[in-house]
Amino acid sequence: MPPRYYIVSWDQLHRDAKALAWRLMDKGPDGGPWKGIVAITRGGLIPAAIIARELECRLIESVSVVTYDEEQRGTPNVVKSPDAAGDGEGWLLLDDLVDTGTTAKVVRTILPKAHFATVYAKPAGKPVVDTFVTEVSQDTWILFPWDTEPQFVAPLAKTAAR
């Protein structure tokens, strides 16, 4: 069965990331502000920017784990470590999506004490994150705004089989 696609617009991503920021407001160390944010690149960069603004967090680090080649899953490879975050204590770790949890588990070994949050979560990866906003089915492929572009679509009356 072909995967289902869920298209996320820029507006939807912004609303969902802001909703995640609301959930994270009081979860910093001792209910206070986070020491910083670690964005998992590339997908976590834009949600991290939105959440950093909402939480007034200025210290942003990144970790880069390459797992996908187009839509094919491969072996995770850490190509940039988040050195400034230490073991993650007091830090917020952000990604756009947790799918199978493969990337999440790799990053968890690097930052075991970080609070891990994602905007979207699939059932297989959900247990690896601490906070998320929206759950989607495992067979859904999310198309983020940076993966798509608007284009003309002919009216149904012109394309329907007669």
N, C-alpha and C. Protein backbone atom coordinates (compact mmCIF):
# COMPACT_ATOMS: atom_id res chain seq x y z
N MET A 1 0.84 -1.18 0.00
CA MET A 1 0.00 0.00 0.00
C MET A 1 0.89 1.25 0.00
N PRO A 2 0.62 2.21 -0.91
CA PRO A 2 1.43 3.42 -0.94
C PRO A 2 1.22 4.23 0.34
N PRO A 3 2.22 5.01 0.74
CA PRO A 3 2.07 5.79 1.96
C PRO A 3 1.03 6.89 1.79
N ARG A 4 0.49 7.31 2.90
CA ARG A 4 -0.40 8.48 2.92
C ARG A 4 0.49 9.70 3.03
N TYR A 5 0.05 10.80 2.48
CA TYR A 5 0.80 12.04 2.58
C TYR A 5 -0.01 13.06 3.38
N TYR A 6 0.68 13.75 4.27
CA TYR A 6 0.09 14.83 5.05
C TYR A 6 0.90 16.07 4.72
N ILE A 7 0.26 17.03 4.07
CA ILE A 7 0.96 18.24 3.64
C ILE A 7 0.82 19.30 4.73
N VAL A 8 1.95 19.78 5.21
CA VAL A 8 1.97 20.80 6.26
C VAL A 8 2.37 22.12 5.62
N SER A 9 1.51 23.12 5.77
CA SER A 9 1.81 24.46 5.23
C SER A 9 2.69 25.22 6.23
N TRP A 10 3.24 26.34 5.77
CA TRP A 10 4.03 27.18 6.66
C TRP A 10 3.18 27.66 7.84
N ASP A 11 1.94 28.06 7.56
CA ASP A 11 1.05 28.51 8.63
C ASP A 11 0.78 27.42 9.64
N GLN A 12 0.52 26.20 9.15
CA GLN A 12 0.25 25.08 10.05
C GLN A 12 1.47 24.75 10.90
N LEU A 13 2.64 24.73 10.28
CA LEU A 13 3.87 24.45 11.02
C LEU A 13 4.09 25.50 12.11
N HIS A 14 3.86 26.76 11.77
CA HIS A 14 4.04 27.83 12.76
C HIS A 14 3.06 27.66 13.93
N ARG A 15 1.79 27.36 13.62
CA ARG A 15 0.80 27.15 14.70
C ARG A 15 1.19 25.96 15.56
N ASP A 16 1.61 24.86 14.93
CA ASP A 16 1.96 23.65 15.69
C ASP A 16 3.22 23.85 16.52
N ALA A 17 4.21 24.56 15.97
CA ALA A 17 5.43 24.83 16.74
C ALA A 17 5.13 25.75 17.92
N LYS A 18 4.26 26.72 17.71
CA LYS A 18 3.88 27.61 18.81
C LYS A 18 3.11 26.83 19.89
N ALA A 19 2.26 25.89 19.47
CA ALA A 19 1.56 25.04 20.44
C ALA A 19 2.56 24.21 21.24
N LEU A 20 3.62 23.74 20.58
CA LEU A 20 4.67 23.00 21.29
C LEU A 20 5.37 23.92 22.29
N ALA A 21 5.62 25.15 21.89
CA ALA A 21 6.26 26.12 22.81
C ALA A 21 5.41 26.30 24.07
N TRP A 22 4.08 26.37 23.91
CA TRP A 22 3.19 26.48 25.07
C TRP A 22 3.39 25.30 26.02
N ARG A 23 3.49 24.11 25.45
CA ARG A 23 3.67 22.92 26.29
C ARG A 23 5.02 22.89 27.00
N LEU A 24 5.99 23.59 26.44
CA LEU A 24 7.36 23.56 26.98
C LEU A 24 7.65 24.71 27.93
N MET A 25 6.73 25.66 28.06
CA MET A 25 6.97 26.87 28.85
C MET A 25 7.50 26.59 30.25
N ASP A 26 6.89 25.68 30.97
CA ASP A 26 7.25 25.46 32.37
C ASP A 26 8.04 24.18 32.59
N LYS A 27 8.59 23.61 31.52
CA LYS A 27 9.29 22.34 31.65
C LYS A 27 10.81 22.49 31.69
N GLY A 28 11.30 23.71 31.67
CA GLY A 28 12.75 23.94 31.78
C GLY A 28 13.24 23.53 33.15
N PRO A 29 14.54 23.60 33.37
CA PRO A 29 15.09 23.21 34.68
C PRO A 29 14.41 23.97 35.83
N ASP A 30 13.89 23.24 36.77
CA ASP A 30 13.19 23.80 37.93
C ASP A 30 12.04 24.72 37.51
N GLY A 31 11.41 24.43 36.36
CA GLY A 31 10.30 25.23 35.87
C GLY A 31 10.71 26.56 35.27
N GLY A 32 12.01 26.80 35.18
CA GLY A 32 12.53 28.06 34.65
C GLY A 32 12.91 27.95 33.18
N PRO A 33 13.72 28.88 32.72
CA PRO A 33 14.10 28.87 31.30
C PRO A 33 15.10 27.75 30.98
N TRP A 34 15.11 27.37 29.72
CA TRP A 34 16.06 26.37 29.23
C TRP A 34 17.44 27.00 29.12
N LYS A 35 18.48 26.21 29.31
CA LYS A 35 19.85 26.69 29.10
C LYS A 35 20.07 27.03 27.63
N GLY A 36 19.45 26.23 26.77
CA GLY A 36 19.57 26.43 25.33
C GLY A 36 18.74 25.39 24.60
N ILE A 37 18.78 25.50 23.29
CA ILE A 37 18.05 24.59 22.42
C ILE A 37 19.03 23.90 21.50
N VAL A 38 18.86 22.60 21.32
CA VAL A 38 19.61 21.84 20.32
C VAL A 38 18.62 21.43 19.24
N ALA A 39 18.84 21.92 18.03
CA ALA A 39 17.99 21.56 16.90
C ALA A 39 18.61 20.38 16.17
N ILE A 40 17.80 19.38 15.87
CA ILE A 40 18.27 18.26 15.04
C ILE A 40 18.08 18.70 13.59
N THR A 41 19.21 18.78 12.88
CA THR A 41 19.13 19.26 11.50
C THR A 41 18.78 18.12 10.56
N ARG A 42 18.09 18.50 9.54
CA ARG A 42 17.67 19.83 9.12
C ARG A 42 16.26 20.15 9.60
N GLY A 43 15.44 19.14 9.77
CA GLY A 43 14.03 19.36 10.07
C GLY A 43 13.75 20.13 11.34
N GLY A 44 14.61 20.04 12.33
CA GLY A 44 14.36 20.73 13.59
C GLY A 44 14.75 22.19 13.60
N LEU A 45 15.42 22.67 12.54
CA LEU A 45 15.90 24.05 12.54
C LEU A 45 14.78 25.08 12.59
N ILE A 46 13.78 24.93 11.76
CA ILE A 46 12.71 25.94 11.72
C ILE A 46 11.83 25.87 12.96
N PRO A 47 11.39 24.67 13.40
CA PRO A 47 10.67 24.64 14.68
C PRO A 47 11.52 25.21 15.83
N ALA A 48 12.82 24.96 15.83
CA ALA A 48 13.69 25.50 16.89
C ALA A 48 13.70 27.02 16.86
N ALA A 49 13.71 27.61 15.68
CA ALA A 49 13.71 29.08 15.58
C ALA A 49 12.40 29.65 16.12
N ILE A 50 11.29 29.03 15.78
CA ILE A 50 9.99 29.50 16.26
C ILE A 50 9.90 29.35 17.77
N ILE A 51 10.30 28.20 18.28
CA ILE A 51 10.21 27.95 19.72
C ILE A 51 11.21 28.81 20.50
N ALA A 52 12.40 29.03 19.94
CA ALA A 52 13.39 29.90 20.59
C ALA A 52 12.82 31.31 20.75
N ARG A 53 12.13 31.78 19.73
CA ARG A 53 11.51 33.10 19.83
C ARG A 53 10.46 33.12 20.92
N GLU A 54 9.58 32.12 20.91
CA GLU A 54 8.48 32.10 21.87
C GLU A 54 8.97 31.94 23.31
N LEU A 55 10.04 31.21 23.51
CA LEU A 55 10.56 30.98 24.86
C LEU A 55 11.67 31.97 25.23
N GLU A 56 11.95 32.89 24.31
CA GLU A 56 13.02 33.89 24.49
C GLU A 56 14.35 33.22 24.83
N CYS A 57 14.67 32.21 24.07
CA CYS A 57 15.93 31.48 24.25
C CYS A 57 16.89 31.91 23.13
N ARG A 58 18.07 32.36 23.49
CA ARG A 58 19.03 32.88 22.51
C ARG A 58 20.15 31.90 22.16
N LEU A 59 20.38 30.90 23.01
CA LEU A 59 21.48 29.97 22.77
C LEU A 59 20.97 28.76 22.00
N ILE A 60 21.43 28.63 20.76
CA ILE A 60 20.96 27.54 19.89
C ILE A 60 22.17 26.76 19.40
N GLU A 61 22.09 25.46 19.54
CA GLU A 61 23.13 24.52 19.08
C GLU A 61 22.45 23.58 18.10
N SER A 62 23.24 22.81 17.39
CA SER A 62 22.63 21.84 16.47
C SER A 62 23.39 20.52 16.53
N VAL A 63 22.65 19.49 16.16
CA VAL A 63 23.23 18.16 15.96
C VAL A 63 22.73 17.70 14.60
N SER A 64 23.63 17.14 13.84
CA SER A 64 23.26 16.69 12.50
C SER A 64 23.42 15.19 12.39
N VAL A 65 22.29 14.52 12.13
CA VAL A 65 22.28 13.08 11.96
C VAL A 65 21.65 12.80 10.59
N VAL A 66 22.39 12.14 9.73
CA VAL A 66 21.88 11.80 8.41
C VAL A 66 21.32 10.39 8.48
N THR A 67 20.00 10.28 8.22
CA THR A 67 19.33 8.99 8.28
C THR A 67 18.63 8.65 6.98
N TYR A 68 18.08 9.67 6.31
CA TYR A 68 17.28 9.45 5.10
C TYR A 68 18.03 9.87 3.85
N ASP A 69 17.80 9.13 2.79
CA ASP A 69 18.22 9.52 1.45
C ASP A 69 16.92 9.54 0.65
N GLU A 70 16.38 10.76 0.43
CA GLU A 70 15.04 10.93 -0.12
C GLU A 70 14.05 10.26 0.85
N GLU A 71 13.32 9.24 0.43
CA GLU A 71 12.37 8.58 1.32
C GLU A 71 12.88 7.22 1.80
N GLN A 72 14.14 6.89 1.54
CA GLN A 72 14.71 5.61 1.96
C GLN A 72 15.51 5.79 3.25
N ARG A 73 15.20 4.96 4.24
CA ARG A 73 15.87 5.02 5.52
C ARG A 73 17.20 4.29 5.44
N GLY A 74 18.24 4.87 6.02
CA GLY A 74 19.56 4.25 6.03
C GLY A 74 20.09 4.15 7.45
N THR A 75 21.38 3.90 7.58
CA THR A 75 22.02 3.83 8.89
C THR A 75 22.34 5.24 9.37
N PRO A 76 21.96 5.59 10.60
CA PRO A 76 22.22 6.95 11.10
C PRO A 76 23.71 7.25 11.20
N ASN A 77 24.08 8.45 10.80
CA ASN A 77 25.46 8.90 10.85
C ASN A 77 25.49 10.31 11.44
N VAL A 78 26.14 10.47 12.61
CA VAL A 78 26.26 11.79 13.24
C VAL A 78 27.38 12.54 12.53
N VAL A 79 27.01 13.63 11.85
CA VAL A 79 28.01 14.39 11.10
C VAL A 79 28.37 15.70 11.79
N LYS A 80 27.61 16.08 12.84
CA LYS A 80 27.94 17.25 13.65
C LYS A 80 27.38 17.05 15.05
N SER A 81 28.24 17.12 16.05
CA SER A 81 27.83 16.93 17.44
C SER A 81 27.47 18.26 18.09
N PRO A 82 26.58 18.24 19.10
CA PRO A 82 26.18 19.47 19.80
C PRO A 82 27.08 19.72 21.01
N ASP A 83 28.33 20.02 20.79
CA ASP A 83 29.32 20.10 21.86
C ASP A 83 28.95 21.05 23.00
N ALA A 84 28.34 22.19 22.69
CA ALA A 84 28.02 23.17 23.73
C ALA A 84 26.99 22.67 24.74
N ALA A 85 26.22 21.65 24.37
CA ALA A 85 25.14 21.17 25.23
C ALA A 85 25.58 20.13 26.25
N GLY A 86 26.83 19.70 26.22
CA GLY A 86 27.30 18.70 27.17
C GLY A 86 26.47 17.43 27.09
N ASP A 87 25.93 17.00 28.24
CA ASP A 87 25.08 15.80 28.27
C ASP A 87 23.60 16.14 28.09
N GLY A 88 23.31 17.42 27.86
CA GLY A 88 21.94 17.87 27.61
C GLY A 88 21.19 18.36 28.83
N GLU A 89 21.78 18.29 30.00
CA GLU A 89 21.07 18.71 31.20
C GLU A 89 20.65 20.18 31.09
N GLY A 90 19.33 20.42 31.23
CA GLY A 90 18.80 21.77 31.14
C GLY A 90 18.57 22.26 29.72
N TRP A 91 18.84 21.41 28.75
CA TRP A 91 18.69 21.78 27.34
C TRP A 91 17.42 21.18 26.75
N LEU A 92 16.89 21.86 25.76
CA LEU A 92 15.74 21.41 25.01
C LEU A 92 16.21 20.90 23.66
N LEU A 93 15.90 19.67 23.35
CA LEU A 93 16.27 19.03 22.08
C LEU A 93 15.03 19.02 21.20
N LEU A 94 15.14 19.58 19.98
CA LEU A 94 13.98 19.74 19.11
C LEU A 94 14.16 19.12 17.75
N ASP A 95 13.08 18.51 17.26
CA ASP A 95 13.03 18.03 15.88
C ASP A 95 11.62 18.25 15.35
N ASP A 96 11.49 18.20 14.03
CA ASP A 96 10.17 18.37 13.43
C ASP A 96 9.31 17.14 13.66
N LEU A 97 9.92 15.95 13.61
CA LEU A 97 9.17 14.70 13.61
C LEU A 97 9.99 13.58 14.22
N VAL A 98 9.33 12.71 14.97
CA VAL A 98 9.92 11.43 15.34
C VAL A 98 9.13 10.37 14.59
N ASP A 99 9.85 9.57 13.80
CA ASP A 99 9.21 8.57 12.94
C ASP A 99 9.35 7.20 13.60
N THR A 100 10.39 6.48 13.30
CA THR A 100 10.63 5.17 13.92
C THR A 100 11.39 5.30 15.23
N GLY A 101 11.98 6.46 15.46
CA GLY A 101 12.79 6.67 16.65
C GLY A 101 14.26 6.41 16.43
N THR A 102 14.66 6.04 15.22
CA THR A 102 16.06 5.72 14.94
C THR A 102 16.97 6.91 15.22
N THR A 103 16.68 8.06 14.63
CA THR A 103 17.49 9.26 14.86
C THR A 103 17.39 9.67 16.32
N ALA A 104 16.19 9.64 16.86
CA ALA A 104 15.98 10.04 18.26
C ALA A 104 16.84 9.22 19.22
N LYS A 105 16.93 7.92 19.00
CA LYS A 105 17.73 7.07 19.88
C LYS A 105 19.21 7.41 19.79
N VAL A 106 19.69 7.71 18.60
CA VAL A 106 21.09 8.10 18.42
C VAL A 106 21.38 9.40 19.18
N VAL A 107 20.49 10.38 19.02
CA VAL A 107 20.69 11.67 19.68
C VAL A 107 20.53 11.53 21.19
N ARG A 108 19.65 10.67 21.63
CA ARG A 108 19.48 10.43 23.07
C ARG A 108 20.78 9.91 23.71
N THR A 109 21.56 9.13 22.97
CA THR A 109 22.82 8.64 23.54
C THR A 109 23.82 9.79 23.69
N ILE A 110 23.72 10.80 22.83
CA ILE A 110 24.62 11.95 22.90
C ILE A 110 24.17 12.93 23.99
N LEU A 111 22.85 13.12 24.11
CA LEU A 111 22.26 14.09 25.06
C LEU A 111 21.25 13.38 25.96
N PRO A 112 21.71 12.48 26.81
CA PRO A 112 20.77 11.67 27.60
C PRO A 112 19.92 12.47 28.59
N LYS A 113 20.38 13.66 28.99
CA LYS A 113 19.63 14.43 29.99
C LYS A 113 18.78 15.55 29.39
N ALA A 114 18.78 15.68 28.08
CA ALA A 114 17.98 16.73 27.43
C ALA A 114 16.50 16.36 27.45
N HIS A 115 15.66 17.37 27.39
CA HIS A 115 14.21 17.18 27.23
C HIS A 115 13.96 17.17 25.74
N PHE A 116 13.45 16.06 25.22
CA PHE A 116 13.29 15.88 23.78
C PHE A 116 11.85 16.18 23.37
N ALA A 117 11.69 17.13 22.44
CA ALA A 117 10.37 17.52 21.97
C ALA A 117 10.34 17.52 20.44
N THR A 118 9.21 17.10 19.89
CA THR A 118 9.00 17.15 18.44
C THR A 118 7.62 17.74 18.17
N VAL A 119 7.48 18.31 16.99
CA VAL A 119 6.18 18.86 16.61
C VAL A 119 5.22 17.71 16.30
N TYR A 120 5.72 16.74 15.51
CA TYR A 120 4.89 15.60 15.10
C TYR A 120 5.53 14.31 15.58
N ALA A 121 4.69 13.30 15.85
CA ALA A 121 5.19 12.01 16.32
C ALA A 121 4.37 10.88 15.69
N LYS A 122 5.08 9.83 15.30
CA LYS A 122 4.43 8.60 14.83
C LYS A 122 4.50 7.59 15.97
N PRO A 123 3.59 6.61 15.97
CA PRO A 123 3.51 5.66 17.09
C PRO A 123 4.83 4.96 17.43
N ALA A 124 5.62 4.56 16.45
CA ALA A 124 6.86 3.82 16.73
C ALA A 124 7.90 4.68 17.43
N GLY A 125 7.90 5.98 17.17
CA GLY A 125 8.89 6.86 17.77
C GLY A 125 8.41 7.61 18.99
N LYS A 126 7.11 7.62 19.21
CA LYS A 126 6.52 8.38 20.31
C LYS A 126 7.13 8.08 21.68
N PRO A 127 7.46 6.83 22.01
CA PRO A 127 8.03 6.57 23.34
C PRO A 127 9.41 7.20 23.57
N VAL A 128 10.09 7.61 22.51
CA VAL A 128 11.45 8.16 22.65
C VAL A 128 11.44 9.64 23.00
N VAL A 129 10.32 10.35 22.73
CA VAL A 129 10.25 11.78 23.00
C VAL A 129 9.51 12.07 24.30
N ASP A 130 9.80 13.23 24.86
CA ASP A 130 9.15 13.65 26.11
C ASP A 130 7.87 14.44 25.85
N THR A 131 7.88 15.27 24.80
CA THR A 131 6.75 16.14 24.51
C THR A 131 6.57 16.24 23.00
N PHE A 132 5.32 16.19 22.54
CA PHE A 132 5.02 16.43 21.12
C PHE A 132 3.64 17.05 21.03
N VAL A 133 3.27 17.51 19.82
CA VAL A 133 1.97 18.15 19.66
C VAL A 133 0.97 17.27 18.92
N THR A 134 1.36 16.74 17.77
CA THR A 134 0.42 16.03 16.90
C THR A 134 0.92 14.64 16.56
N GLU A 135 0.07 13.64 16.73
CA GLU A 135 0.41 12.28 16.34
C GLU A 135 -0.18 11.99 14.96
N VAL A 136 0.62 11.36 14.11
CA VAL A 136 0.16 10.93 12.79
C VAL A 136 0.41 9.43 12.68
N SER A 137 -0.31 8.77 11.79
CA SER A 137 -0.16 7.32 11.65
C SER A 137 1.22 6.96 11.11
N GLN A 138 1.64 5.75 11.40
CA GLN A 138 2.98 5.30 11.00
C GLN A 138 3.16 5.29 9.49
N ASP A 139 2.08 5.05 8.74
CA ASP A 139 2.19 4.97 7.28
C ASP A 139 2.01 6.33 6.59
N THR A 140 2.03 7.40 7.36
CA THR A 140 1.89 8.75 6.79
C THR A 140 3.26 9.37 6.57
N TRP A 141 3.47 9.89 5.37
CA TRP A 141 4.70 10.62 5.06
C TRP A 141 4.35 12.11 5.11
N ILE A 142 4.98 12.83 6.03
CA ILE A 142 4.69 14.26 6.18
C ILE A 142 5.51 15.04 5.16
N LEU A 143 4.82 15.88 4.41
CA LEU A 143 5.49 16.77 3.47
C LEU A 143 5.53 18.15 4.11
N PHE A 144 6.72 18.55 4.55
CA PHE A 144 6.90 19.83 5.21
C PHE A 144 6.97 20.94 4.17
N PRO A 145 6.77 22.19 4.59
CA PRO A 145 6.76 23.29 3.62
C PRO A 145 8.05 23.41 2.82
N TRP A 146 9.17 23.02 3.40
CA TRP A 146 10.44 23.09 2.67
C TRP A 146 10.59 21.95 1.67
N ASP A 147 9.66 20.99 1.69
CA ASP A 147 9.68 19.87 0.74
C ASP A 147 8.78 20.11 -0.47
N THR A 148 7.95 21.13 -0.42
CA THR A 148 6.93 21.33 -1.45
C THR A 148 6.96 22.78 -1.94
N GLU A 149 6.25 23.02 -3.02
CA GLU A 149 6.05 24.39 -3.48
C GLU A 149 4.66 24.48 -4.11
N PRO A 150 4.03 25.64 -3.99
CA PRO A 150 2.70 25.79 -4.58
C PRO A 150 2.78 25.77 -6.11
N GLN A 151 1.81 25.16 -6.71
CA GLN A 151 1.76 25.15 -8.17
C GLN A 151 0.31 25.07 -8.62
N PHE A 152 0.07 25.42 -9.86
CA PHE A 152 -1.27 25.40 -10.43
C PHE A 152 -1.78 23.97 -10.53
N VAL A 153 -3.05 23.80 -10.19
CA VAL A 153 -3.73 22.52 -10.36
C VAL A 153 -5.00 22.81 -11.17
N ALA A 154 -5.21 22.06 -12.24
CA ALA A 154 -6.37 22.27 -13.09
C ALA A 154 -7.65 21.97 -12.34
N PRO A 155 -8.75 22.65 -12.67
CA PRO A 155 -10.04 22.37 -12.03
C PRO A 155 -10.46 20.92 -12.27
N LEU A 156 -11.18 20.36 -11.32
CA LEU A 156 -11.65 18.98 -11.45
C LEU A 156 -12.43 18.76 -12.74
N ALA A 157 -13.26 19.72 -13.12
CA ALA A 157 -14.08 19.56 -14.32
C ALA A 157 -13.23 19.37 -15.58
N LYS A 158 -12.02 19.90 -15.55
CA LYS A 158 -11.13 19.76 -16.72
C LYS A 158 -10.30 18.51 -16.68
N THR A 159 -10.17 17.88 -15.51
CA THR A 159 -9.30 16.71 -15.40
C THR A 159 -10.06 15.41 -15.15
N ALA A 160 -11.32 15.50 -14.80
CA ALA A 160 -12.10 14.29 -14.49
C ALA A 160 -12.33 13.46 -15.74
N ALA A 161 -12.26 12.16 -15.56
CA ALA A 161 -12.54 11.25 -16.69
C ALA A 161 -14.02 11.35 -17.04
N ARG A 162 -14.28 11.42 -18.31
CA ARG A 162 -15.68 11.55 -18.75
C ARG A 162 -16.14 10.31 -19.40
